[in-house]
């Protein structure tokens, strides 16, 4: 995952939520990369997930179904 327009970044309020979301993504065979939360976000844990833009909608739904609070950048 390299080009910024080809990826989306999910940010979370806690490390627990970020790691839970990583598990959910991997269970769905979505390639995911744990990265530092972008500057200027409200993420208090400092972790974010970078995923292919093509997978954003399906993961957004999956995270919502699982009760994982997130912001999408």
PDB file of N, CA and C in Angstrom:
ATOM      1  N   UNK A   1       0.854  -1.167   0.000  1.00  0.00           N
ATOM      2  CA  UNK A   1       0.000   0.000   0.000  1.00  0.00           C
ATOM      3  C   UNK A   1       0.897   1.226   0.000  1.00  0.00           C
ATOM      4  N   UNK A   2       0.781   1.991  -1.074  1.00  0.00           N
ATOM      5  CA  UNK A   2       1.692   3.122  -1.171  1.00  0.00           C
ATOM      6  C   UNK A   2       1.011   4.440  -1.501  1.00  0.00           C
ATOM      7  N   UNK A   3       0.416   4.554  -2.659  1.00  0.00           N
ATOM      8  CA  UNK A   3      -0.153   5.827  -3.082  1.00  0.00           C
ATOM      9  C   UNK A   3      -1.301   6.238  -2.160  1.00  0.00           C
ATOM     10  N   UNK A   4      -1.272   7.476  -1.708  1.00  0.00           N
ATOM     11  CA  UNK A   4      -2.252   7.967  -0.748  1.00  0.00           C
ATOM     12  C   UNK A   4      -3.678   7.819  -1.250  1.00  0.00           C
ATOM     13  N   UNK A   5      -3.931   8.060  -2.530  1.00  0.00           N
ATOM     14  CA  UNK A   5      -5.286   7.969  -3.050  1.00  0.00           C
ATOM     15  C   UNK A   5      -5.786   6.532  -3.134  1.00  0.00           C
ATOM     16  N   UNK A   6      -4.886   5.580  -3.051  1.00  0.00           N
ATOM     17  CA  UNK A   6      -5.262   4.176  -3.134  1.00  0.00           C
ATOM     18  C   UNK A   6      -5.538   3.547  -1.781  1.00  0.00           C
ATOM     19  N   UNK A   7      -5.372   4.316  -0.708  1.00  0.00           N
ATOM     20  CA  UNK A   7      -5.589   3.784   0.635  1.00  0.00           C
ATOM     21  C   UNK A   7      -6.508   4.699   1.431  1.00  0.00           C
ATOM     22  N   UNK A   8      -7.114   4.124   2.448  1.00  0.00           N
ATOM     23  CA  UNK A   8      -7.895   4.882   3.426  1.00  0.00           C
ATOM     24  C   UNK A   8      -7.303   4.562   4.787  1.00  0.00           C
ATOM     25  N   UNK A   9      -7.449   5.497   5.704  1.00  0.00           N
ATOM     26  CA  UNK A   9      -6.904   5.319   7.044  1.00  0.00           C
ATOM     27  C   UNK A   9      -8.045   5.408   8.052  1.00  0.00           C
ATOM     28  N   UNK A  10      -8.195   4.350   8.831  1.00  0.00           N
ATOM     29  CA  UNK A  10      -9.159   4.314   9.920  1.00  0.00           C
ATOM     30  C   UNK A  10      -8.420   4.672  11.199  1.00  0.00           C
ATOM     31  N   UNK A  11      -8.958   5.616  11.981  1.00  0.00           N
ATOM     32  CA  UNK A  11      -8.356   5.980  13.264  1.00  0.00           C
ATOM     33  C   UNK A  11      -9.326   5.629  14.389  1.00  0.00           C
ATOM     34  N   UNK A  12      -8.767   5.380  15.558  1.00  0.00           N
ATOM     35  CA  UNK A  12      -9.530   4.863  16.690  1.00  0.00           C
ATOM     36  C   UNK A  12      -9.188   5.619  17.962  1.00  0.00           C
ATOM     37  N   UNK A  13     -10.068   5.542  18.937  1.00  0.00           N
ATOM     38  CA  UNK A  13      -9.867   6.226  20.214  1.00  0.00           C
ATOM     39  C   UNK A  13      -8.995   5.439  21.184  1.00  0.00           C
ATOM     40  N   UNK A  14      -8.802   4.153  20.929  1.00  0.00           N
ATOM     41  CA  UNK A  14      -7.980   3.357  21.847  1.00  0.00           C
ATOM     42  C   UNK A  14      -7.212   2.290  21.078  1.00  0.00           C
ATOM     43  N   UNK A  15      -6.138   1.847  21.680  1.00  0.00           N
ATOM     44  CA  UNK A  15      -5.348   0.757  21.089  1.00  0.00           C
ATOM     45  C   UNK A  15      -6.185  -0.507  20.990  1.00  0.00           C
ATOM     46  N   UNK A  16      -7.022  -0.741  21.987  1.00  0.00           N
ATOM     47  CA  UNK A  16      -7.891  -1.918  21.985  1.00  0.00           C
ATOM     48  C   UNK A  16      -8.761  -1.936  20.727  1.00  0.00           C
ATOM     49  N   UNK A  17      -9.386  -0.806  20.417  1.00  0.00           N
ATOM     50  CA  UNK A  17     -10.242  -0.737  19.228  1.00  0.00           C
ATOM     51  C   UNK A  17      -9.441  -0.924  17.947  1.00  0.00           C
ATOM     52  N   UNK A  18      -8.259  -0.337  17.891  1.00  0.00           N
ATOM     53  CA  UNK A  18      -7.421  -0.467  16.692  1.00  0.00           C
ATOM     54  C   UNK A  18      -7.026  -1.919  16.455  1.00  0.00           C
ATOM     55  N   UNK A  19      -6.627  -2.615  17.509  1.00  0.00           N
ATOM     56  CA  UNK A  19      -6.205  -4.010  17.363  1.00  0.00           C
ATOM     57  C   UNK A  19      -7.390  -4.925  17.092  1.00  0.00           C
ATOM     58  N   UNK A  20      -8.537  -4.616  17.673  1.00  0.00           N
ATOM     59  CA  UNK A  20      -9.761  -5.372  17.394  1.00  0.00           C
ATOM     60  C   UNK A  20     -10.130  -5.199  15.918  1.00  0.00           C
ATOM     61  N   UNK A  21     -10.063  -3.976  15.431  1.00  0.00           N
ATOM     62  CA  UNK A  21     -10.368  -3.712  14.023  1.00  0.00           C
ATOM     63  C   UNK A  21      -9.387  -4.438  13.104  1.00  0.00           C
ATOM     64  N   UNK A  22      -8.130  -4.486  13.503  1.00  0.00           N
ATOM     65  CA  UNK A  22      -7.142  -5.227  12.712  1.00  0.00           C
ATOM     66  C   UNK A  22      -7.549  -6.695  12.609  1.00  0.00           C
ATOM     67  N   UNK A  23      -7.975  -7.286  13.715  1.00  0.00           N
ATOM     68  CA  UNK A  23      -8.432  -8.680  13.703  1.00  0.00           C
ATOM     69  C   UNK A  23      -9.630  -8.863  12.775  1.00  0.00           C
ATOM     70  N   UNK A  24     -10.590  -7.950  12.849  1.00  0.00           N
ATOM     71  CA  UNK A  24     -11.784  -8.028  11.997  1.00  0.00           C
ATOM     72  C   UNK A  24     -11.383  -7.960  10.524  1.00  0.00           C
ATOM     73  N   UNK A  25     -10.482  -7.060  10.185  1.00  0.00           N
ATOM     74  CA  UNK A  25     -10.031  -6.935   8.796  1.00  0.00           C
ATOM     75  C   UNK A  25      -9.336  -8.210   8.334  1.00  0.00           C
ATOM     76  N   UNK A  26      -8.462  -8.743   9.158  1.00  0.00           N
ATOM     77  CA  UNK A  26      -7.734  -9.965   8.784  1.00  0.00           C
ATOM     78  C   UNK A  26      -8.671 -11.166   8.657  1.00  0.00           C
ATOM     79  N   UNK A  27      -9.695 -11.241   9.518  1.00  0.00           N
ATOM     80  CA  UNK A  27     -10.685 -12.318   9.411  1.00  0.00           C
ATOM     81  C   UNK A  27     -11.404 -12.272   8.069  1.00  0.00           C
ATOM     82  N   UNK A  28     -11.498 -11.091   7.489  1.00  0.00           N
ATOM     83  CA  UNK A  28     -12.157 -10.904   6.193  1.00  0.00           C
ATOM     84  C   UNK A  28     -11.154 -10.883   5.045  1.00  0.00           C
ATOM     85  N   UNK A  29      -9.927 -11.273   5.330  1.00  0.00           N
ATOM     86  CA  UNK A  29      -8.847 -11.342   4.338  1.00  0.00           C
ATOM     87  C   UNK A  29      -8.561 -10.002   3.663  1.00  0.00           C
ATOM     88  N   UNK A  30      -8.754  -8.922   4.396  1.00  0.00           N
ATOM     89  CA  UNK A  30      -8.442  -7.590   3.881  1.00  0.00           C
ATOM     90  C   UNK A  30      -7.012  -7.253   4.291  1.00  0.00           C
ATOM     91  N   UNK A  31      -6.161  -6.905   3.329  1.00  0.00           N
ATOM     92  CA  UNK A  31      -4.797  -6.518   3.693  1.00  0.00           C
ATOM     93  C   UNK A  31      -4.835  -5.229   4.510  1.00  0.00           C
ATOM     94  N   UNK A  32      -4.179  -5.255   5.641  1.00  0.00           N
ATOM     95  CA  UNK A  32      -4.226  -4.122   6.554  1.00  0.00           C
ATOM     96  C   UNK A  32      -2.830  -3.859   7.099  1.00  0.00           C
ATOM     97  N   UNK A  33      -2.543  -2.588   7.324  1.00  0.00           N
ATOM     98  CA  UNK A  33      -1.244  -2.209   7.870  1.00  0.00           C
ATOM     99  C   UNK A  33      -1.488  -1.298   9.070  1.00  0.00           C
ATOM    100  N   UNK A  34      -0.913  -1.635  10.219  1.00  0.00           N
ATOM    101  CA  UNK A  34      -1.004  -0.775  11.395  1.00  0.00           C
ATOM    102  C   UNK A  34       0.018   0.345  11.219  1.00  0.00           C
ATOM    103  N   UNK A  35      -0.465   1.584  11.316  1.00  0.00           N
ATOM    104  CA  UNK A  35       0.386   2.759  11.119  1.00  0.00           C
ATOM    105  C   UNK A  35       0.135   3.758  12.250  1.00  0.00           C
ATOM    106  N   UNK A  36       0.988   4.749  12.336  1.00  0.00           N
ATOM    107  CA  UNK A  36       0.770   5.839  13.287  1.00  0.00           C
ATOM    108  C   UNK A  36      -0.435   6.658  12.834  1.00  0.00           C
ATOM    109  N   UNK A  37      -1.232   7.096  13.787  1.00  0.00           N
ATOM    110  CA  UNK A  37      -2.380   7.935  13.449  1.00  0.00           C
ATOM    111  C   UNK A  37      -1.883   9.235  12.821  1.00  0.00           C
ATOM    112  N   UNK A  38      -2.544   9.687  11.769  1.00  0.00           N
ATOM    113  CA  UNK A  38      -2.117  10.928  11.114  1.00  0.00           C
ATOM    114  C   UNK A  38      -2.174  12.120  12.070  1.00  0.00           C
ATOM    115  N   UNK A  39      -1.277  13.048  11.883  1.00  0.00           N
ATOM    116  CA  UNK A  39      -1.281  14.271  12.689  1.00  0.00           C
ATOM    117  C   UNK A  39      -2.608  14.999  12.505  1.00  0.00           C
ATOM    118  N   UNK A  40      -3.092  15.577  13.571  1.00  0.00           N
ATOM    119  CA  UNK A  40      -4.325  16.342  13.487  1.00  0.00           C
ATOM    120  C   UNK A  40      -5.589  15.530  13.688  1.00  0.00           C
ATOM    121  N   UNK A  41      -5.460  14.232  13.968  1.00  0.00           N
ATOM    122  CA  UNK A  41      -6.648  13.426  14.232  1.00  0.00           C
ATOM    123  C   UNK A  41      -6.929  13.425  15.722  1.00  0.00           C
ATOM    124  N   UNK A  42      -8.131  13.020  16.067  1.00  0.00           N
ATOM    125  CA  UNK A  42      -8.503  12.970  17.477  1.00  0.00           C
ATOM    126  C   UNK A  42      -8.158  11.629  18.116  1.00  0.00           C
ATOM    127  N   UNK A  43      -7.477  10.766  17.395  1.00  0.00           N
ATOM    128  CA  UNK A  43      -7.117   9.456  17.941  1.00  0.00           C
ATOM    129  C   UNK A  43      -6.198   9.638  19.144  1.00  0.00           C
ATOM    130  N   UNK A  44      -6.593   9.068  20.255  1.00  0.00           N
ATOM    131  CA  UNK A  44      -5.785   9.206  21.465  1.00  0.00           C
ATOM    132  C   UNK A  44      -4.792   8.073  21.631  1.00  0.00           C
ATOM    133  N   UNK A  45      -4.944   7.012  20.870  1.00  0.00           N
ATOM    134  CA  UNK A  45      -4.044   5.866  21.037  1.00  0.00           C
ATOM    135  C   UNK A  45      -2.815   5.955  20.142  1.00  0.00           C
ATOM    136  N   UNK A  46      -2.869   6.743  19.090  1.00  0.00           N
ATOM    137  CA  UNK A  46      -1.723   6.874  18.201  1.00  0.00           C
ATOM    138  C   UNK A  46      -1.641   5.815  17.123  1.00  0.00           C
ATOM    139  N   UNK A  47      -2.580   4.864  17.108  1.00  0.00           N
ATOM    140  CA  UNK A  47      -2.587   3.813  16.091  1.00  0.00           C
ATOM    141  C   UNK A  47      -3.704   4.052  15.090  1.00  0.00           C
ATOM    142  N   UNK A  48      -3.462   3.619  13.872  1.00  0.00           N
ATOM    143  CA  UNK A  48      -4.464   3.689  12.818  1.00  0.00           C
ATOM    144  C   UNK A  48      -4.272   2.475  11.919  1.00  0.00           C
ATOM    145  N   UNK A  49      -5.261   2.204  11.087  1.00  0.00           N
ATOM    146  CA  UNK A  49      -5.161   1.113  10.116  1.00  0.00           C
ATOM    147  C   UNK A  49      -5.232   1.690   8.717  1.00  0.00           C
ATOM    148  N   UNK A  50      -4.287   1.297   7.887  1.00  0.00           N
ATOM    149  CA  UNK A  50      -4.261   1.692   6.482  1.00  0.00           C
ATOM    150  C   UNK A  50      -4.749   0.498   5.681  1.00  0.00           C
ATOM    151  N   UNK A  51      -5.757   0.731   4.846  1.00  0.00           N
ATOM    152  CA  UNK A  51      -6.341  -0.355   4.054  1.00  0.00           C
ATOM    153  C   UNK A  51      -6.527   0.124   2.615  1.00  0.00           C
ATOM    154  N   UNK A  52      -6.638  -0.817   1.673  1.00  0.00           N
ATOM    155  CA  UNK A  52      -6.906  -0.417   0.287  1.00  0.00           C
ATOM    156  C   UNK A  52      -8.237   0.335   0.205  1.00  0.00           C
ATOM    157  N   UNK A  53      -8.272   1.397  -0.572  1.00  0.00           N
ATOM    158  CA  UNK A  53      -9.488   2.200  -0.709  1.00  0.00           C
ATOM    159  C   UNK A  53     -10.672   1.351  -1.168  1.00  0.00           C
ATOM    160  N   UNK A  54     -10.402   0.344  -1.972  1.00  0.00           N
ATOM    161  CA  UNK A  54     -11.479  -0.512  -2.488  1.00  0.00           C
ATOM    162  C   UNK A  54     -12.165  -1.321  -1.395  1.00  0.00           C
ATOM    163  N   UNK A  55     -11.541  -1.455  -0.238  1.00  0.00           N
ATOM    164  CA  UNK A  55     -12.101  -2.238   0.867  1.00  0.00           C
ATOM    165  C   UNK A  55     -12.764  -1.365   1.934  1.00  0.00           C
ATOM    166  N   UNK A  56     -12.690  -0.042   1.784  1.00  0.00           N
ATOM    167  CA  UNK A  56     -13.160   0.866   2.835  1.00  0.00           C
ATOM    168  C   UNK A  56     -14.634   0.667   3.176  1.00  0.00           C
ATOM    169  N   UNK A  57     -15.490   0.590   2.185  1.00  0.00           N
ATOM    170  CA  UNK A  57     -16.926   0.477   2.449  1.00  0.00           C
ATOM    171  C   UNK A  57     -17.269  -0.812   3.183  1.00  0.00           C
ATOM    172  N   UNK A  58     -16.670  -1.925   2.775  1.00  0.00           N
ATOM    173  CA  UNK A  58     -16.990  -3.192   3.439  1.00  0.00           C
ATOM    174  C   UNK A  58     -16.469  -3.214   4.870  1.00  0.00           C
ATOM    175  N   UNK A  59     -15.283  -2.641   5.102  1.00  0.00           N
ATOM    176  CA  UNK A  59     -14.766  -2.608   6.472  1.00  0.00           C
ATOM    177  C   UNK A  59     -15.530  -1.616   7.334  1.00  0.00           C
ATOM    178  N   UNK A  60     -15.961  -0.527   6.749  1.00  0.00           N
ATOM    179  CA  UNK A  60     -16.779   0.433   7.491  1.00  0.00           C
ATOM    180  C   UNK A  60     -18.023  -0.275   8.027  1.00  0.00           C
ATOM    181  N   UNK A  61     -18.676  -1.057   7.184  1.00  0.00           N
ATOM    182  CA  UNK A  61     -19.860  -1.806   7.603  1.00  0.00           C
ATOM    183  C   UNK A  61     -19.507  -2.862   8.647  1.00  0.00           C
ATOM    184  N   UNK A  62     -18.405  -3.568   8.443  1.00  0.00           N
ATOM    185  CA  UNK A  62     -17.992  -4.611   9.388  1.00  0.00           C
ATOM    186  C   UNK A  62     -17.671  -4.014  10.753  1.00  0.00           C
ATOM    187  N   UNK A  63     -16.945  -2.901  10.777  1.00  0.00           N
ATOM    188  CA  UNK A  63     -16.600  -2.271  12.054  1.00  0.00           C
ATOM    189  C   UNK A  63     -17.859  -1.781  12.765  1.00  0.00           C
ATOM    190  N   UNK A  64     -18.785  -1.221  12.018  1.00  0.00           N
ATOM    191  CA  UNK A  64     -20.042  -0.760  12.605  1.00  0.00           C
ATOM    192  C   UNK A  64     -20.820  -1.937  13.182  1.00  0.00           C
ATOM    193  N   UNK A  65     -20.907  -3.035  12.432  1.00  0.00           N
ATOM    194  CA  UNK A  65     -21.604  -4.232  12.914  1.00  0.00           C
ATOM    195  C   UNK A  65     -20.970  -4.781  14.190  1.00  0.00           C
ATOM    196  N   UNK A  66     -19.646  -4.695  14.288  1.00  0.00           N
ATOM    197  CA  UNK A  66     -18.921  -5.212  15.456  1.00  0.00           C
ATOM    198  C   UNK A  66     -18.950  -4.243  16.638  1.00  0.00           C
ATOM    199  N   UNK A  67     -19.402  -3.014  16.404  1.00  0.00           N
ATOM    200  CA  UNK A  67     -19.431  -2.018  17.470  1.00  0.00           C
ATOM    201  C   UNK A  67     -18.105  -1.312  17.686  1.00  0.00           C
ATOM    202  N   UNK A  68     -17.274  -1.276  16.651  1.00  0.00           N
ATOM    203  CA  UNK A  68     -15.966  -0.629  16.731  1.00  0.00           C
ATOM    204  C   UNK A  68     -16.110   0.821  16.267  1.00  0.00           C
ATOM    205  N   UNK A  69     -15.891   1.755  17.184  1.00  0.00           N
ATOM    206  CA  UNK A  69     -15.966   3.179  16.841  1.00  0.00           C
ATOM    207  C   UNK A  69     -14.699   3.587  16.094  1.00  0.00           C
ATOM    208  N   UNK A  70     -14.863   4.372  15.039  1.00  0.00           N
ATOM    209  CA  UNK A  70     -13.721   4.771  14.209  1.00  0.00           C
ATOM    210  C   UNK A  70     -14.021   6.083  13.504  1.00  0.00           C
ATOM    211  N   UNK A  71     -12.985   6.669  12.966  1.00  0.00           N
ATOM    212  CA  UNK A  71     -13.096   7.793  12.034  1.00  0.00           C
ATOM    213  C   UNK A  71     -12.345   7.368  10.785  1.00  0.00           C
ATOM    214  N   UNK A  72     -12.835   7.780   9.638  1.00  0.00           N
ATOM    215  CA  UNK A  72     -12.211   7.408   8.368  1.00  0.00           C
ATOM    216  C   UNK A  72     -11.582   8.639   7.751  1.00  0.00           C
ATOM    217  N   UNK A  73     -10.313   8.506   7.369  1.00  0.00           N
ATOM    218  CA  UNK A  73      -9.592   9.621   6.753  1.00  0.00           C
ATOM    219  C   UNK A  73      -9.105   9.222   5.392  1.00  0.00           C
TER     220      UNK A  73
END
